[in-house]
N, C-alpha and C. Protein backbone atom coordinates (compact mmCIF):
# COMPACT_ATOMS: atom_id res chain seq x y z
N UNK A 1 0.87 -1.09 0.01
CA UNK A 1 0.02 0.06 -0.02
C UNK A 1 0.89 1.11 0.02
N UNK A 2 0.30 2.28 -0.52
CA UNK A 2 1.06 3.72 -0.59
C UNK A 2 1.06 4.18 0.67
N UNK A 3 2.36 4.78 1.38
CA UNK A 3 2.23 5.24 2.48
C UNK A 3 1.22 6.66 2.65
N UNK A 4 0.53 6.54 3.62
CA UNK A 4 -0.41 7.66 3.93
C UNK A 4 -1.83 7.60 3.01
N UNK A 5 -1.91 6.39 2.47
CA UNK A 5 -3.20 6.16 1.59
C UNK A 5 -3.98 5.13 2.28
N UNK A 6 -5.34 5.15 1.98
CA UNK A 6 -6.00 4.29 2.79
C UNK A 6 -6.67 3.19 1.65
N UNK A 7 -6.87 2.00 2.07
CA UNK A 7 -7.21 1.00 0.95
C UNK A 7 -8.68 0.82 1.15
N UNK A 8 -9.21 0.98 -0.22
CA UNK A 8 -10.63 0.85 -0.27
C UNK A 8 -11.32 -0.35 -0.50
N UNK A 9 -10.43 -1.17 -1.31
CA UNK A 9 -10.87 -2.56 -1.60
C UNK A 9 -9.77 -3.35 -2.18
N UNK A 10 -9.72 -4.64 -2.40
CA UNK A 10 -8.58 -5.29 -2.72
C UNK A 10 -7.81 -4.77 -4.14
N UNK A 11 -6.72 -4.16 -4.19
CA UNK A 11 -6.11 -3.66 -5.35
C UNK A 11 -6.23 -2.20 -5.66
N UNK A 12 -7.14 -1.66 -4.77
CA UNK A 12 -7.17 -0.35 -5.09
C UNK A 12 -6.86 0.49 -3.78
N UNK A 13 -6.45 1.92 -3.95
CA UNK A 13 -5.82 2.68 -3.11
C UNK A 13 -6.66 3.88 -3.19
N UNK A 14 -7.08 4.59 -1.93
CA UNK A 14 -7.88 5.78 -1.80
C UNK A 14 -6.84 6.88 -1.52
N UNK A 15 -6.40 7.91 -2.61
CA UNK A 15 -5.85 8.82 -2.63
C UNK A 15 -6.60 10.21 -2.65
N UNK A 16 -6.57 10.97 -1.44
CA UNK A 16 -7.18 12.19 -1.74
C UNK A 16 -8.51 12.42 -2.52
N UNK A 17 -9.36 11.51 -2.12
CA UNK A 17 -10.71 11.59 -2.81
C UNK A 17 -11.03 10.65 -4.10
N UNK A 18 -10.08 10.19 -4.38
CA UNK A 18 -9.85 9.41 -5.59
C UNK A 18 -9.40 7.96 -5.45
N UNK A 19 -10.12 7.04 -5.93
CA UNK A 19 -9.49 5.76 -5.70
C UNK A 19 -8.88 5.36 -7.05
N UNK A 20 -7.60 4.73 -6.93
CA UNK A 20 -6.88 4.60 -8.04
C UNK A 20 -6.26 3.33 -8.02
N UNK A 21 -6.06 2.33 -9.19
CA UNK A 21 -5.47 1.00 -9.11
C UNK A 21 -4.19 1.21 -8.40
N UNK A 22 -3.70 0.15 -7.49
CA UNK A 22 -2.44 0.24 -7.00
C UNK A 22 -1.39 0.38 -8.05
N UNK A 23 -1.55 -0.27 -9.14
CA UNK A 23 -0.61 -0.39 -10.27
C UNK A 23 -0.52 0.83 -11.02
N UNK A 24 -1.58 1.87 -11.10
CA UNK A 24 -1.56 2.78 -12.04
C UNK A 24 -1.09 4.15 -11.15
N UNK A 25 -0.74 4.18 -10.03
CA UNK A 25 -0.29 5.52 -9.39
C UNK A 25 1.18 5.06 -9.28
N UNK A 26 1.91 6.21 -9.55
CA UNK A 26 3.29 6.17 -9.46
C UNK A 26 3.97 7.64 -8.98
N UNK A 27 4.64 7.60 -8.16
CA UNK A 27 5.32 8.98 -7.56
C UNK A 27 6.09 9.51 -8.78
N UNK A 28 5.73 10.93 -9.08
CA UNK A 28 6.46 11.67 -9.83
C UNK A 28 7.63 12.61 -9.18
N UNK A 29 8.76 12.95 -9.44
CA UNK A 29 9.60 13.86 -8.76
C UNK A 29 9.29 15.03 -9.24
N UNK A 30 9.37 16.03 -8.20
CA UNK A 30 8.90 17.39 -8.17
C UNK A 30 10.19 18.12 -8.46
N UNK A 31 10.65 18.31 -9.53
CA UNK A 31 11.92 18.79 -10.03
C UNK A 31 12.16 20.08 -9.31
N UNK A 32 11.19 20.92 -9.39
CA UNK A 32 11.39 22.42 -8.86
C UNK A 32 11.48 22.36 -7.41
N UNK A 33 10.72 21.35 -6.84
CA UNK A 33 10.98 21.66 -5.35
C UNK A 33 12.26 20.83 -4.93
N UNK A 34 12.77 20.10 -5.63
CA UNK A 34 14.04 19.33 -5.39
C UNK A 34 15.15 20.38 -5.65
N UNK A 35 15.08 20.88 -6.65
CA UNK A 35 16.15 21.99 -7.15
C UNK A 35 16.18 23.16 -6.10
N UNK A 36 15.06 23.53 -5.64
CA UNK A 36 14.87 24.58 -4.48
C UNK A 36 15.44 24.30 -3.30
N UNK A 37 15.31 22.92 -2.78
CA UNK A 37 15.85 22.48 -1.67
C UNK A 37 17.47 22.24 -1.85
N UNK A 38 17.88 21.85 -3.06
CA UNK A 38 19.47 21.70 -3.38
C UNK A 38 19.98 22.86 -3.29
N UNK A 39 19.24 24.20 -3.85
CA UNK A 39 19.88 25.41 -3.86
C UNK A 39 19.97 26.11 -2.61
N UNK A 40 18.83 25.58 -1.65
CA UNK A 40 19.01 26.14 -0.41
C UNK A 40 20.14 25.50 0.66
N UNK A 41 20.37 24.26 0.36
CA UNK A 41 21.33 23.45 0.85
C UNK A 41 22.46 24.14 0.45
N UNK A 42 22.99 24.58 -0.46
CA UNK A 42 24.04 25.10 -1.06
C UNK A 42 24.42 26.43 -0.16
N UNK A 43 23.46 27.15 -0.07
CA UNK A 43 23.52 28.49 0.66
C UNK A 43 23.81 28.18 2.16
N UNK A 44 23.02 27.31 2.71
CA UNK A 44 23.39 26.81 3.92
C UNK A 44 24.87 26.20 4.48
N UNK A 45 25.26 25.30 3.44
CA UNK A 45 26.55 24.76 3.47
C UNK A 45 27.74 26.03 3.31
N UNK A 46 27.37 26.95 2.56
CA UNK A 46 28.38 28.10 2.50
C UNK A 46 28.36 28.82 3.87
N UNK A 47 27.42 29.01 4.46
CA UNK A 47 27.33 29.55 5.67
C UNK A 47 28.03 29.03 6.83
N UNK A 48 28.22 27.63 6.69
CA UNK A 48 28.87 26.72 7.75
C UNK A 48 30.33 26.47 7.23
N UNK A 49 30.62 26.52 6.07
CA UNK A 49 31.77 26.18 5.50
C UNK A 49 32.34 27.32 4.31
N UNK A 50 32.44 28.57 4.63
CA UNK A 50 32.92 29.58 3.75
C UNK A 50 34.07 29.49 2.83
N UNK A 51 35.05 28.91 3.38
CA UNK A 51 36.32 28.70 2.84
C UNK A 51 36.73 27.29 2.43
N UNK A 52 35.63 26.87 2.01
CA UNK A 52 35.79 25.13 1.43
C UNK A 52 36.76 25.10 0.22
N UNK A 53 36.95 26.19 -0.42
CA UNK A 53 37.74 26.39 -1.70
C UNK A 53 39.28 26.20 -1.23
N UNK A 54 39.70 26.52 0.00
CA UNK A 54 40.88 26.51 0.51
C UNK A 54 41.34 25.84 1.62
N UNK A 55 40.32 25.61 2.51
CA UNK A 55 40.32 24.72 3.50
C UNK A 55 39.86 23.12 3.28
N UNK A 56 40.24 22.34 3.93
CA UNK A 56 39.96 20.80 3.71
C UNK A 56 39.05 20.37 4.92
N UNK A 57 38.84 21.10 5.90
CA UNK A 57 38.14 20.54 7.15
C UNK A 57 37.60 21.71 7.73
N UNK A 58 36.31 21.79 8.18
CA UNK A 58 35.74 22.42 9.33
C UNK A 58 34.98 21.74 10.36
N UNK A 59 35.25 22.26 11.52
CA UNK A 59 34.52 21.41 12.64
C UNK A 59 34.11 22.48 13.52
N UNK A 60 32.87 22.22 14.36
CA UNK A 60 32.24 23.06 15.07
C UNK A 60 31.50 22.10 16.18
N UNK A 61 31.11 22.75 17.22
CA UNK A 61 30.17 22.13 17.98
C UNK A 61 28.70 22.49 17.99
N UNK A 62 27.74 21.73 18.36
CA UNK A 62 26.58 21.99 18.46
C UNK A 62 26.25 22.09 20.14
N UNK A 63 24.95 22.55 20.43
CA UNK A 63 24.60 23.05 21.79
C UNK A 63 24.54 21.84 22.69
N UNK A 64 24.40 20.45 22.26
CA UNK A 64 24.42 19.32 23.05
C UNK A 64 25.71 18.65 23.35
N UNK A 65 26.80 19.18 22.84
CA UNK A 65 28.18 18.76 22.93
C UNK A 65 28.56 17.93 21.65
N UNK A 66 27.76 17.74 20.88
CA UNK A 66 28.01 17.12 19.46
C UNK A 66 28.84 17.86 18.50
N UNK A 67 30.02 17.16 17.99
CA UNK A 67 30.94 17.56 17.23
C UNK A 67 30.71 17.50 15.63
N UNK A 68 30.69 18.47 14.76
CA UNK A 68 30.32 18.27 13.44
C UNK A 68 31.69 18.69 12.67
N UNK A 69 31.68 17.68 11.82
CA UNK A 69 33.12 17.86 10.89
C UNK A 69 32.71 17.74 9.55
N UNK A 70 32.86 18.66 8.76
CA UNK A 70 32.85 18.79 7.24
C UNK A 70 34.39 18.57 6.51
N UNK A 71 34.46 17.51 5.68
CA UNK A 71 35.75 17.28 4.98
C UNK A 71 35.55 17.35 3.53
N UNK A 72 36.59 18.06 2.82
CA UNK A 72 36.53 18.04 1.59
C UNK A 72 37.13 16.62 1.08
N UNK A 73 36.49 15.98 0.19
CA UNK A 73 37.01 14.73 -0.44
C UNK A 73 37.61 14.82 -1.63
N UNK A 74 37.16 15.77 -2.57
CA UNK A 74 37.62 16.04 -3.67
C UNK A 74 37.14 17.28 -4.39
N UNK A 75 38.14 17.98 -4.92
CA UNK A 75 37.58 19.32 -5.62
C UNK A 75 37.96 19.06 -7.24
N UNK A 76 36.82 19.60 -7.97
CA UNK A 76 37.18 19.58 -9.30
C UNK A 76 36.51 20.90 -9.73
N UNK A 77 36.62 21.33 -11.19
CA UNK A 77 36.30 22.48 -11.63
C UNK A 77 34.95 23.14 -11.18
N UNK A 78 34.07 22.29 -11.40
CA UNK A 78 32.86 22.75 -11.07
C UNK A 78 32.10 21.88 -9.89
N UNK A 79 32.75 21.00 -9.41
CA UNK A 79 31.95 20.24 -8.32
C UNK A 79 32.98 20.21 -7.20
N UNK A 80 32.45 20.01 -5.97
CA UNK A 80 33.27 19.49 -4.80
C UNK A 80 32.49 18.41 -3.99
N UNK A 81 33.33 17.24 -3.77
CA UNK A 81 32.64 16.24 -2.78
C UNK A 81 33.04 16.47 -1.39
N UNK A 82 32.19 16.34 -0.71
CA UNK A 82 32.24 16.52 0.87
C UNK A 82 31.61 15.58 1.71
N UNK A 83 32.04 15.36 2.90
CA UNK A 83 31.41 14.55 3.81
C UNK A 83 31.30 15.10 5.03
N UNK A 84 29.94 15.06 5.43
CA UNK A 84 29.55 15.73 6.81
C UNK A 84 29.19 14.60 7.81
N UNK A 85 29.92 14.74 9.02
CA UNK A 85 29.32 13.72 10.01
C UNK A 85 29.19 14.55 11.32
N UNK A 86 28.44 13.92 12.28
CA UNK A 86 28.25 14.42 13.65
C UNK A 86 28.78 13.22 14.46
N UNK A 87 29.40 13.57 15.50
CA UNK A 87 30.23 12.89 16.40
C UNK A 87 29.83 13.24 17.84
N UNK A 88 29.86 12.06 18.67
CA UNK A 88 29.76 12.35 20.09
C UNK A 88 28.47 13.01 20.68
N UNK A 89 28.40 13.53 21.73
CA UNK A 89 27.06 14.29 22.53
C UNK A 89 26.61 13.23 23.21
N UNK A 90 25.29 13.72 23.46
CA UNK A 90 24.59 12.58 24.66
C UNK A 90 23.38 11.90 23.76
N UNK A 91 23.40 11.46 22.45
CA UNK A 91 22.56 10.93 21.68
C UNK A 91 22.43 9.49 22.24
N UNK A 92 21.54 9.03 22.07
CA UNK A 92 21.22 7.57 22.44
C UNK A 92 22.06 6.52 21.79
N UNK A 93 22.45 5.36 22.57
CA UNK A 93 23.45 4.40 21.76
C UNK A 93 22.87 3.75 20.93
N UNK A 94 21.54 3.75 20.63
CA UNK A 94 20.86 3.18 19.38
C UNK A 94 20.78 4.03 18.36
N UNK A 95 20.88 5.25 18.44
CA UNK A 95 20.87 6.19 17.34
C UNK A 95 22.05 6.66 16.57
N UNK A 96 22.23 6.23 15.42
CA UNK A 96 23.29 6.66 14.57
C UNK A 96 23.43 7.81 14.15
N UNK A 97 24.51 8.53 14.62
CA UNK A 97 24.55 9.90 14.29
C UNK A 97 24.57 10.36 12.64
N UNK A 98 24.12 11.33 12.24
CA UNK A 98 24.13 11.65 10.66
C UNK A 98 25.32 11.60 10.14
N UNK A 99 25.54 11.16 8.92
CA UNK A 99 26.49 11.15 8.10
C UNK A 99 26.14 11.53 6.77
N UNK A 100 26.58 12.24 5.96
CA UNK A 100 26.25 12.61 4.50
C UNK A 100 27.33 12.84 3.60
N UNK A 101 27.24 12.24 2.47
CA UNK A 101 28.28 12.55 1.29
C UNK A 101 27.34 13.47 0.53
N UNK A 102 28.24 14.51 0.13
CA UNK A 102 27.43 15.41 -0.69
C UNK A 102 28.38 15.63 -1.93
N UNK A 103 27.52 16.18 -3.01
CA UNK A 103 28.15 16.77 -4.11
C UNK A 103 27.60 18.33 -4.38
N UNK A 104 28.54 19.12 -4.19
CA UNK A 104 28.34 20.58 -4.49
C UNK A 104 28.60 20.72 -5.90
N UNK A 105 27.53 21.43 -6.66
CA UNK A 105 27.63 21.89 -8.08
C UNK A 105 27.72 23.42 -8.05
N UNK A 106 29.14 23.85 -8.31
CA UNK A 106 29.16 25.34 -8.04
C UNK A 106 28.68 26.34 -9.15
N UNK A 107 28.78 25.72 -10.39
CA UNK A 107 28.01 26.52 -11.47
C UNK A 107 26.46 26.69 -11.37
N UNK A 108 25.82 25.46 -10.81
CA UNK A 108 24.35 25.68 -10.53
C UNK A 108 24.13 26.12 -9.22
N UNK A 109 25.00 26.00 -8.15
CA UNK A 109 24.84 26.58 -6.88
C UNK A 109 23.86 25.58 -6.19
N UNK A 110 24.16 24.30 -6.11
CA UNK A 110 23.25 23.30 -5.75
C UNK A 110 24.16 22.57 -4.83
N UNK A 111 23.70 21.66 -3.79
CA UNK A 111 24.11 20.63 -3.12
C UNK A 111 23.18 19.45 -3.11
N UNK A 112 23.73 18.30 -3.52
CA UNK A 112 22.77 17.25 -3.34
C UNK A 112 23.35 15.94 -2.33
N UNK A 113 22.54 15.24 -1.78
CA UNK A 113 22.98 14.01 -0.92
C UNK A 113 23.40 13.14 -2.08
N UNK A 114 24.31 12.45 -1.95
CA UNK A 114 24.84 11.43 -2.76
C UNK A 114 24.87 9.81 -1.84
N UNK A 115 25.08 10.31 -0.65
CA UNK A 115 25.03 9.02 0.23
C UNK A 115 24.46 9.37 1.74
N UNK A 116 23.74 8.68 2.19
CA UNK A 116 23.00 9.04 3.73
C UNK A 116 23.33 7.77 4.46
N UNK A 117 24.14 7.96 5.64
CA UNK A 117 24.68 7.03 6.36
C UNK A 117 25.63 5.93 5.49
N UNK A 118 25.03 4.65 5.52
CA UNK A 118 25.88 4.06 4.51
C UNK A 118 25.17 3.68 3.11
N UNK A 119 24.01 4.38 2.89
CA UNK A 119 23.32 3.98 1.69
C UNK A 119 23.81 4.71 0.64
N UNK A 120 24.29 3.97 -0.50
CA UNK A 120 24.72 4.82 -1.73
C UNK A 120 23.84 4.63 -2.83
N UNK A 121 24.00 5.64 -3.60
CA UNK A 121 23.36 5.69 -5.08
C UNK A 121 21.96 5.55 -5.11
N UNK A 122 21.35 6.36 -4.16
CA UNK A 122 19.90 6.54 -3.97
C UNK A 122 19.04 6.91 -5.46
N UNK A 123 18.06 6.26 -5.88
CA UNK A 123 17.30 6.56 -6.93
C UNK A 123 16.42 7.85 -6.80
N UNK A 124 16.07 8.67 -7.75
CA UNK A 124 15.29 9.66 -7.65
C UNK A 124 13.77 9.25 -7.24
N UNK A 125 13.59 7.91 -7.82
CA UNK A 125 12.03 7.25 -7.46
C UNK A 125 12.34 5.93 -7.32
N UNK A 126 11.53 5.45 -6.47
CA UNK A 126 11.29 4.10 -6.24
C UNK A 126 9.90 3.50 -6.43
N UNK A 127 9.69 2.28 -6.95
CA UNK A 127 8.25 1.87 -6.82
C UNK A 127 8.05 1.13 -5.62
N UNK A 128 6.71 1.17 -5.03
CA UNK A 128 6.40 0.91 -3.79
C UNK A 128 5.34 -0.27 -3.72
N UNK A 129 5.44 -1.37 -3.07
CA UNK A 129 6.89 -1.76 -2.11
C UNK A 129 7.89 -2.11 -3.10
N UNK A 130 9.21 -2.13 -2.40
CA UNK A 130 10.30 -2.64 -3.20
C UNK A 130 11.12 -3.45 -2.05
N UNK A 131 12.17 -4.08 -2.63
CA UNK A 131 13.11 -4.96 -1.66
C UNK A 131 13.57 -4.30 -0.62
N UNK A 132 13.99 -2.87 -0.92
CA UNK A 132 14.84 -2.27 0.05
C UNK A 132 14.15 -1.57 1.02
N UNK A 133 12.71 -1.51 0.70
CA UNK A 133 12.08 -0.79 1.63
C UNK A 133 12.26 0.91 1.51
N UNK A 134 12.51 1.30 0.48
CA UNK A 134 12.76 2.82 0.35
C UNK A 134 11.36 3.29 -0.01
N UNK A 135 11.35 4.50 0.58
CA UNK A 135 10.06 5.35 0.33
C UNK A 135 10.38 5.68 -1.35
N UNK A 136 9.01 6.15 -1.85
CA UNK A 136 8.86 6.31 -3.42
C UNK A 136 9.96 7.58 -3.57
N UNK A 137 10.06 8.55 -2.46
CA UNK A 137 10.60 9.83 -2.69
C UNK A 137 11.90 9.89 -1.76
N UNK A 138 12.51 8.92 -1.72
CA UNK A 138 13.61 8.58 -0.70
C UNK A 138 14.66 9.75 -0.96
N UNK A 139 15.12 9.93 -2.27
CA UNK A 139 16.19 11.15 -2.57
C UNK A 139 15.67 12.35 -2.00
N UNK A 140 14.48 12.90 -2.32
CA UNK A 140 13.76 14.15 -1.94
C UNK A 140 13.77 14.06 -0.52
N UNK A 141 13.56 12.96 0.26
CA UNK A 141 13.38 13.04 1.63
C UNK A 141 14.87 13.25 2.32
N UNK A 142 15.85 12.76 1.78
CA UNK A 142 17.29 12.68 2.32
C UNK A 142 17.74 14.20 2.17
N UNK A 143 17.48 14.93 0.97
CA UNK A 143 17.71 16.34 0.67
C UNK A 143 17.04 17.22 1.55
N UNK A 144 15.81 16.73 1.96
CA UNK A 144 15.00 17.79 2.87
C UNK A 144 15.55 17.55 4.42
N UNK A 145 15.79 16.36 4.89
CA UNK A 145 16.56 16.19 5.95
C UNK A 145 17.84 16.88 6.05
N UNK A 146 18.69 16.94 5.04
CA UNK A 146 19.91 17.61 5.16
C UNK A 146 19.55 19.22 5.30
N UNK A 147 18.52 19.62 4.52
CA UNK A 147 18.13 21.18 4.73
C UNK A 147 17.83 21.47 6.25
N UNK A 148 17.06 20.46 6.87
CA UNK A 148 16.95 20.59 8.29
C UNK A 148 17.91 20.54 9.12
N UNK A 149 18.79 19.72 8.75
CA UNK A 149 19.97 19.46 9.65
C UNK A 149 20.86 20.59 9.59
N UNK A 150 21.26 20.93 8.30
CA UNK A 150 22.11 22.27 8.24
C UNK A 150 21.72 23.36 8.98
N UNK A 151 20.18 23.64 8.67
CA UNK A 151 19.66 24.78 9.66
C UNK A 151 19.62 24.66 10.92
N UNK A 152 19.67 23.42 11.53
CA UNK A 152 19.84 23.12 13.07
C UNK A 152 21.55 23.46 13.25
N UNK A 153 22.21 23.14 12.47
CA UNK A 153 23.71 23.21 12.85
C UNK A 153 23.92 24.93 12.92
N UNK A 154 23.34 25.73 11.88
CA UNK A 154 23.46 27.11 11.56
C UNK A 154 23.03 27.67 12.94
N UNK A 155 21.82 27.37 13.57
CA UNK A 155 21.17 27.84 14.76
C UNK A 155 21.93 27.47 15.93
N UNK A 156 22.44 26.13 16.10
CA UNK A 156 22.95 25.75 17.45
C UNK A 156 24.44 25.68 17.33
N UNK A 157 25.09 25.81 16.11
CA UNK A 157 26.50 25.60 16.17
C UNK A 157 27.39 26.75 16.86
N UNK A 158 28.57 26.34 17.25
CA UNK A 158 29.59 27.25 17.92
C UNK A 158 31.02 26.75 17.85
N UNK A 159 31.85 27.62 17.46
CA UNK A 159 33.22 27.08 17.04
C UNK A 159 34.11 27.70 18.02
N UNK A 160 34.51 27.13 19.00
CA UNK A 160 35.61 27.55 19.99
C UNK A 160 36.96 27.60 19.23
N UNK A 161 37.67 28.55 19.59
CA UNK A 161 39.04 28.85 18.95
C UNK A 161 40.03 27.39 19.66
N UNK A 162 39.68 27.07 20.67
CA UNK A 162 40.61 25.85 21.10
C UNK A 162 39.94 24.51 21.18
N UNK A 163 39.24 24.07 20.09
CA UNK A 163 38.65 22.84 19.84
C UNK A 163 39.65 21.91 19.91
N UNK A 164 39.70 20.82 20.69
CA UNK A 164 40.63 19.87 20.90
C UNK A 164 40.49 18.91 19.52
N UNK A 165 41.81 18.48 18.95
CA UNK A 165 41.47 17.60 17.87
C UNK A 165 40.83 16.18 18.20
N UNK A 166 40.18 15.53 17.20
CA UNK A 166 39.82 13.98 17.51
C UNK A 166 41.17 13.32 17.84
N UNK A 167 40.97 12.18 18.59
CA UNK A 167 41.99 11.29 18.83
C UNK A 167 41.48 10.06 18.15
N UNK A 168 42.49 9.52 17.14
CA UNK A 168 42.03 8.23 16.61
C UNK A 168 41.80 7.31 17.39
N UNK A 169 40.87 6.26 17.10
CA UNK A 169 40.69 5.17 18.14
C UNK A 169 39.68 5.40 19.28
N UNK A 170 39.22 6.59 19.54
CA UNK A 170 38.23 7.01 20.50
C UNK A 170 36.84 6.80 19.98
N UNK A 171 36.05 6.76 20.93
CA UNK A 171 34.65 6.55 20.57
C UNK A 171 34.15 7.69 19.56
N UNK A 172 34.72 9.05 19.75
CA UNK A 172 34.12 9.98 19.15
C UNK A 172 34.88 10.31 17.79
N UNK A 173 35.93 9.43 17.65
CA UNK A 173 36.75 9.68 16.16
C UNK A 173 36.16 8.87 15.18
N UNK A 174 35.95 9.46 13.91
CA UNK A 174 35.55 8.57 12.74
C UNK A 174 36.35 7.63 12.12
């Protein structure tokens, strides 16, 4: 069944006042919304890491003691690959801290999520249900989550001048 939809009879799904066959409904990507999200993510990322062209790493703390690290992985003429991860803090042991792999497109002024946690190569659209249990709009959801998380970092982040380096092999090191 489609998430958020109610079943009306076997094989049919009720969506916003109209019943459609389960096989005829298909999620379509809202390109304008996805581009708007990616453009706003680019602006947010530049607020957090304005010197990405010359620096390879940026670290800052969040209000709960979490450390956020942004690393430049690769620079090309029109794109930059980055990894952003959150470490430490008081998060529950069962909750994996966020980790994003990003591609910044400087000519288009956009940032998209290329991997979230350990999940790579997310399609723009998935049929539902599917073997991986991905939402039909998995890629859009990951980019919206990045937008919310970057906004949280902008609002809660602080960068003390004496931030100690991470010690390899500790629980907080990546």
